[in-house]
Amino acid sequence: MGSGTGHSQPRASRVRRAAALAILLALVYRYYTASIGSGPIYADSLGPFGHTALLPFVLPSPALFGGSAWGGQVLKLLGAPPYRGPVLIRGRKLTGRDGLGFGAGKIPLAEMDLPPGGGVPKSGGWRFWGGYARLRSPGCYGLQVDGTTFSKVIIFRACPSNPPRRQTGRCRSQ
């Protein structure tokens, strides 16, 4: 029984789902900032990342990341209060062969293993982790986020930062 708009779900069901998602996104924004992901783990970075899913990354240079061949950008992860278990995060480029690493070292880590635990009481129980996403080239990337009760993918697009050797929230014009 559709709504006549070509959708298979009844309109009331779609409205309830959209309202629930809006409430959840409002909670993320209330306790931190706009972030991407369907939860219970969300991603954020500098600039408009939480609104656009666009990650301006710093190109490799001798001064950054120990002279690594990998560029990168700040990546913050947020955990919603109901989920207190461990989280495993892996990633890769979806539009090519390049990988997606983590951390600030010369050689990025292949995954992030986040421990279980409670959140920060003053934040409503949210958990926060900071670090770096490490990549070599522009394109579309995916973070696979696995917990004990879920497996989600967070997709974003990476572009060279403007200027290319400083962490900014802007992409270089193409």
C-alpha atoms as a PDB file:
ATOM      1  CA  MET A   1       0.000   0.000   0.000  1.00  0.00           C
ATOM      2  CA  GLY A   2       2.063   2.956  -1.279  1.00  0.00           C
ATOM      3  CA  SER A   3       1.439   6.656  -1.173  1.00  0.00           C
ATOM      4  CA  GLY A   4       1.215   7.005  -4.927  1.00  0.00           C
ATOM      5  CA  THR A   5       4.696   8.545  -5.120  1.00  0.00           C
ATOM      6  CA  GLY A   6       6.531   5.404  -6.200  1.00  0.00           C
ATOM      7  CA  HIS A   7       7.781   4.585  -2.682  1.00  0.00           C
ATOM      8  CA  SER A   8       7.127   1.102  -1.302  1.00  0.00           C
ATOM      9  CA  GLN A   9       6.755   2.298   2.312  1.00  0.00           C
ATOM     10  CA  PRO A  10       3.518   3.931   3.406  1.00  0.00           C
ATOM     11  CA  ARG A  11       3.880   7.693   3.858  1.00  0.00           C
ATOM     12  CA  ALA A  12       3.240   7.557   7.622  1.00  0.00           C
ATOM     13  CA  SER A  13       6.102   5.054   8.056  1.00  0.00           C
ATOM     14  CA  ARG A  14       8.502   7.251   6.050  1.00  0.00           C
ATOM     15  CA  VAL A  15       7.480  10.316   8.070  1.00  0.00           C
ATOM     16  CA  ARG A  16       8.036   8.487  11.394  1.00  0.00           C
ATOM     17  CA  ARG A  17      11.453   7.265  10.211  1.00  0.00           C
ATOM     18  CA  ALA A  18      12.447  10.766   9.023  1.00  0.00           C
ATOM     19  CA  ALA A  19      11.279  12.288  12.322  1.00  0.00           C
ATOM     20  CA  ALA A  20      13.288   9.731  14.342  1.00  0.00           C
ATOM     21  CA  LEU A  21      16.388  10.447  12.247  1.00  0.00           C
ATOM     22  CA  ALA A  22      15.928  14.219  12.674  1.00  0.00           C
ATOM     23  CA  ILE A  23      15.706  13.787  16.456  1.00  0.00           C
ATOM     24  CA  LEU A  24      18.862  11.639  16.500  1.00  0.00           C
ATOM     25  CA  LEU A  25      20.787  14.145  14.351  1.00  0.00           C
ATOM     26  CA  ALA A  26      19.589  16.968  16.598  1.00  0.00           C
ATOM     27  CA  LEU A  27      20.995  15.094  19.601  1.00  0.00           C
ATOM     28  CA  VAL A  28      24.376  14.680  17.896  1.00  0.00           C
ATOM     29  CA  TYR A  29      24.391  18.379  17.036  1.00  0.00           C
ATOM     30  CA  ARG A  30      23.256  19.358  20.540  1.00  0.00           C
ATOM     31  CA  TYR A  31      26.126  17.590  22.267  1.00  0.00           C
ATOM     32  CA  TYR A  32      28.839  18.235  19.742  1.00  0.00           C
ATOM     33  CA  THR A  33      28.389  19.390  16.165  1.00  0.00           C
ATOM     34  CA  ALA A  34      26.929  18.235  12.885  1.00  0.00           C
ATOM     35  CA  SER A  35      28.421  14.830  12.052  1.00  0.00           C
ATOM     36  CA  ILE A  36      27.977  12.150   9.410  1.00  0.00           C
ATOM     37  CA  GLY A  37      26.821   8.564   9.859  1.00  0.00           C
ATOM     38  CA  SER A  38      23.641   6.744  10.784  1.00  0.00           C
ATOM     39  CA  GLY A  39      24.854   5.854  14.282  1.00  0.00           C
ATOM     40  CA  PRO A  40      25.559   4.842  16.875  1.00  0.00           C
ATOM     41  CA  ILE A  41      29.070   5.990  15.810  1.00  0.00           C
ATOM     42  CA  TYR A  42      29.410   9.263  13.894  1.00  0.00           C
ATOM     43  CA  ALA A  43      32.345  10.998  12.158  1.00  0.00           C
ATOM     44  CA  ASP A  44      33.373  14.665  12.152  1.00  0.00           C
ATOM     45  CA  SER A  45      36.345  16.762  11.022  1.00  0.00           C
ATOM     46  CA  LEU A  46      37.263  20.380  10.307  1.00  0.00           C
ATOM     47  CA  GLY A  47      35.112  22.842   8.406  1.00  0.00           C
ATOM     48  CA  PRO A  48      31.761  21.827   6.945  1.00  0.00           C
ATOM     49  CA  PHE A  49      32.520  18.059   6.988  1.00  0.00           C
ATOM     50  CA  GLY A  50      29.487  17.270   9.166  1.00  0.00           C
ATOM     51  CA  HIS A  51      27.197  19.012   6.671  1.00  0.00           C
ATOM     52  CA  THR A  52      28.875  18.077   3.380  1.00  0.00           C
ATOM     53  CA  ALA A  53      30.798  14.811   3.988  1.00  0.00           C
ATOM     54  CA  LEU A  54      33.697  16.543   2.189  1.00  0.00           C
ATOM     55  CA  LEU A  55      37.133  16.070   3.805  1.00  0.00           C
ATOM     56  CA  PRO A  56      39.846  18.528   2.712  1.00  0.00           C
ATOM     57  CA  PHE A  57      43.113  16.671   3.399  1.00  0.00           C
ATOM     58  CA  VAL A  58      46.699  17.866   3.682  1.00  0.00           C
ATOM     59  CA  LEU A  59      49.026  16.537   0.988  1.00  0.00           C
ATOM     60  CA  PRO A  60      52.156  14.639   2.092  1.00  0.00           C
ATOM     61  CA  SER A  61      55.071  16.860   3.108  1.00  0.00           C
ATOM     62  CA  PRO A  62      58.346  16.450   5.032  1.00  0.00           C
ATOM     63  CA  ALA A  63      56.930  18.523   7.920  1.00  0.00           C
ATOM     64  CA  LEU A  64      53.722  16.540   8.453  1.00  0.00           C
ATOM     65  CA  PHE A  65      53.215  12.969   9.667  1.00  0.00           C
ATOM     66  CA  GLY A  66      56.966  12.331   9.958  1.00  0.00           C
ATOM     67  CA  GLY A  67      57.603  12.796   6.239  1.00  0.00           C
ATOM     68  CA  SER A  68      55.125  10.049   5.339  1.00  0.00           C
ATOM     69  CA  ALA A  69      53.923   9.433   1.768  1.00  0.00           C
ATOM     70  CA  TRP A  70      50.409   9.644   3.228  1.00  0.00           C
ATOM     71  CA  GLY A  71      48.509  12.905   3.677  1.00  0.00           C
ATOM     72  CA  GLY A  72      45.733  13.309   6.186  1.00  0.00           C
ATOM     73  CA  GLN A  73      43.227  15.308   8.153  1.00  0.00           C
ATOM     74  CA  VAL A  74      41.749  15.401  11.644  1.00  0.00           C
ATOM     75  CA  LEU A  75      39.053  12.752  12.148  1.00  0.00           C
ATOM     76  CA  LYS A  76      36.867  12.786  15.245  1.00  0.00           C
ATOM     77  CA  LEU A  77      34.499   9.973  16.146  1.00  0.00           C
ATOM     78  CA  LEU A  78      31.492  10.248  18.426  1.00  0.00           C
ATOM     79  CA  GLY A  79      29.667   7.389  20.114  1.00  0.00           C
ATOM     80  CA  ALA A  80      25.987   7.715  21.066  1.00  0.00           C
ATOM     81  CA  PRO A  81      25.169   6.947  24.735  1.00  0.00           C
ATOM     82  CA  PRO A  82      23.142   3.748  24.215  1.00  0.00           C
ATOM     83  CA  TYR A  83      26.130   1.871  22.726  1.00  0.00           C
ATOM     84  CA  ARG A  84      28.949   1.263  25.220  1.00  0.00           C
ATOM     85  CA  GLY A  85      30.748  -1.627  23.538  1.00  0.00           C
ATOM     86  CA  PRO A  86      34.016  -1.813  21.569  1.00  0.00           C
ATOM     87  CA  VAL A  87      34.278  -0.340  18.068  1.00  0.00           C
ATOM     88  CA  LEU A  88      36.496  -1.462  15.169  1.00  0.00           C
ATOM     89  CA  ILE A  89      36.994   1.052  12.350  1.00  0.00           C
ATOM     90  CA  ARG A  90      38.570   0.229   9.002  1.00  0.00           C
ATOM     91  CA  GLY A  91      38.475   2.086   5.722  1.00  0.00           C
ATOM     92  CA  ARG A  92      39.402   2.184   2.071  1.00  0.00           C
ATOM     93  CA  LYS A  93      39.094   4.232  -1.058  1.00  0.00           C
ATOM     94  CA  LEU A  94      35.938   3.285  -2.943  1.00  0.00           C
ATOM     95  CA  THR A  95      37.023   4.836  -6.253  1.00  0.00           C
ATOM     96  CA  GLY A  96      40.451   3.227  -6.564  1.00  0.00           C
ATOM     97  CA  ARG A  97      43.126   1.104  -4.974  1.00  0.00           C
ATOM     98  CA  ASP A  98      44.476   3.503  -2.337  1.00  0.00           C
ATOM     99  CA  GLY A  99      43.894   2.658   1.278  1.00  0.00           C
ATOM    100  CA  LEU A 100      42.619   4.675   4.181  1.00  0.00           C
ATOM    101  CA  GLY A 101      44.757   4.628   7.305  1.00  0.00           C
ATOM    102  CA  PHE A 102      44.599   6.102  10.783  1.00  0.00           C
ATOM    103  CA  GLY A 103      46.882   7.881  13.255  1.00  0.00           C
ATOM    104  CA  ALA A 104      49.662  10.452  13.101  1.00  0.00           C
ATOM    105  CA  GLY A 105      52.646   8.149  12.541  1.00  0.00           C
ATOM    106  CA  LYS A 106      54.789   7.899   9.422  1.00  0.00           C
ATOM    107  CA  ILE A 107      53.081   4.616   8.578  1.00  0.00           C
ATOM    108  CA  PRO A 108      49.326   4.807   9.232  1.00  0.00           C
ATOM    109  CA  LEU A 109      47.496   2.101  11.137  1.00  0.00           C
ATOM    110  CA  ALA A 110      45.182  -0.153   9.093  1.00  0.00           C
ATOM    111  CA  GLU A 111      42.404   0.084  11.696  1.00  0.00           C
ATOM    112  CA  MET A 112      41.278   1.813  14.859  1.00  0.00           C
ATOM    113  CA  ASP A 113      40.256  -0.376  17.781  1.00  0.00           C
ATOM    114  CA  LEU A 114      38.236   1.718  20.232  1.00  0.00           C
ATOM    115  CA  PRO A 115      37.684   0.256  23.707  1.00  0.00           C
ATOM    116  CA  PRO A 116      34.307  -0.230  25.409  1.00  0.00           C
ATOM    117  CA  GLY A 117      33.217   2.108  28.152  1.00  0.00           C
ATOM    118  CA  GLY A 118      30.847   4.762  29.324  1.00  0.00           C
ATOM    119  CA  GLY A 119      30.631   8.261  27.986  1.00  0.00           C
ATOM    120  CA  VAL A 120      31.337  11.667  29.449  1.00  0.00           C
ATOM    121  CA  PRO A 121      28.588  12.519  31.976  1.00  0.00           C
ATOM    122  CA  LYS A 122      28.511  16.250  31.092  1.00  0.00           C
ATOM    123  CA  SER A 123      27.957  15.365  27.416  1.00  0.00           C
ATOM    124  CA  GLY A 124      24.870  13.278  28.057  1.00  0.00           C
ATOM    125  CA  GLY A 125      26.899  10.068  27.971  1.00  0.00           C
ATOM    126  CA  TRP A 126      28.487  10.558  24.506  1.00  0.00           C
ATOM    127  CA  ARG A 127      31.955   9.088  23.860  1.00  0.00           C
ATOM    128  CA  PHE A 128      34.620  10.994  21.880  1.00  0.00           C
ATOM    129  CA  TRP A 129      37.768   9.816  20.090  1.00  0.00           C
ATOM    130  CA  GLY A 130      40.221  11.984  18.176  1.00  0.00           C
ATOM    131  CA  GLY A 131      42.794  11.097  15.567  1.00  0.00           C
ATOM    132  CA  TYR A 132      43.617  11.371  11.883  1.00  0.00           C
ATOM    133  CA  ALA A 133      42.297   9.888   8.666  1.00  0.00           C
ATOM    134  CA  ARG A 134      45.291   9.174   6.401  1.00  0.00           C
ATOM    135  CA  LEU A 135      45.022   9.025   2.626  1.00  0.00           C
ATOM    136  CA  ARG A 136      47.097   9.489  -0.518  1.00  0.00           C
ATOM    137  CA  SER A 137      44.705  10.846  -3.115  1.00  0.00           C
ATOM    138  CA  PRO A 138      41.352  12.566  -3.631  1.00  0.00           C
ATOM    139  CA  GLY A 139      38.243  10.456  -4.147  1.00  0.00           C
ATOM    140  CA  CYS A 140      35.399   8.674  -2.405  1.00  0.00           C
ATOM    141  CA  TYR A 141      36.209   6.783   0.811  1.00  0.00           C
ATOM    142  CA  GLY A 142      34.320   4.548   3.188  1.00  0.00           C
ATOM    143  CA  LEU A 143      34.738   3.901   6.898  1.00  0.00           C
ATOM    144  CA  GLN A 144      33.452   0.528   8.029  1.00  0.00           C
ATOM    145  CA  VAL A 145      32.340   0.866  11.647  1.00  0.00           C
ATOM    146  CA  ASP A 146      31.745  -2.414  13.499  1.00  0.00           C
ATOM    147  CA  GLY A 147      30.426  -2.889  17.020  1.00  0.00           C
ATOM    148  CA  THR A 148      29.070  -5.946  18.781  1.00  0.00           C
ATOM    149  CA  THR A 149      25.506  -5.114  17.713  1.00  0.00           C
ATOM    150  CA  PHE A 150      25.944  -3.270  14.394  1.00  0.00           C
ATOM    151  CA  SER A 151      28.003  -2.843  11.242  1.00  0.00           C
ATOM    152  CA  LYS A 152      27.719   0.501   9.416  1.00  0.00           C
ATOM    153  CA  VAL A 153      29.485   2.323   6.594  1.00  0.00           C
ATOM    154  CA  ILE A 154      30.195   6.061   6.612  1.00  0.00           C
ATOM    155  CA  ILE A 155      31.006   7.487   3.179  1.00  0.00           C
ATOM    156  CA  PHE A 156      32.806  10.764   2.450  1.00  0.00           C
ATOM    157  CA  ARG A 157      34.682  12.474  -0.354  1.00  0.00           C
ATOM    158  CA  ALA A 158      38.275  13.699   0.078  1.00  0.00           C
ATOM    159  CA  CYS A 159      39.838  16.641  -1.769  1.00  0.00           C
ATOM    160  CA  PRO A 160      43.208  18.423  -1.426  1.00  0.00           C
ATOM    161  CA  SER A 161      43.125  21.189   1.184  1.00  0.00           C
ATOM    162  CA  ASN A 162      43.513  24.839   0.233  1.00  0.00           C
ATOM    163  CA  PRO A 163      46.361  25.648   0.772  1.00  0.00           C
ATOM    164  CA  PRO A 164      47.511  22.059   0.162  1.00  0.00           C
ATOM    165  CA  ARG A 165      49.981  21.843   3.063  1.00  0.00           C
ATOM    166  CA  ARG A 166      47.788  23.310   5.854  1.00  0.00           C
ATOM    167  CA  GLN A 167      44.845  21.797   7.661  1.00  0.00           C
ATOM    168  CA  THR A 168      41.856  23.883   6.642  1.00  0.00           C
ATOM    169  CA  GLY A 169      38.196  23.249   6.144  1.00  0.00           C
ATOM    170  CA  ARG A 170      38.350  24.218   2.465  1.00  0.00           C
ATOM    171  CA  CYS A 171      39.089  22.272  -0.706  1.00  0.00           C
ATOM    172  CA  ARG A 172      41.415  23.523  -3.385  1.00  0.00           C
ATOM    173  CA  SER A 173      39.521  24.677  -6.488  1.00  0.00           C
ATOM    174  CA  GLN A 174      39.561  22.111  -9.225  1.00  0.00           C
END
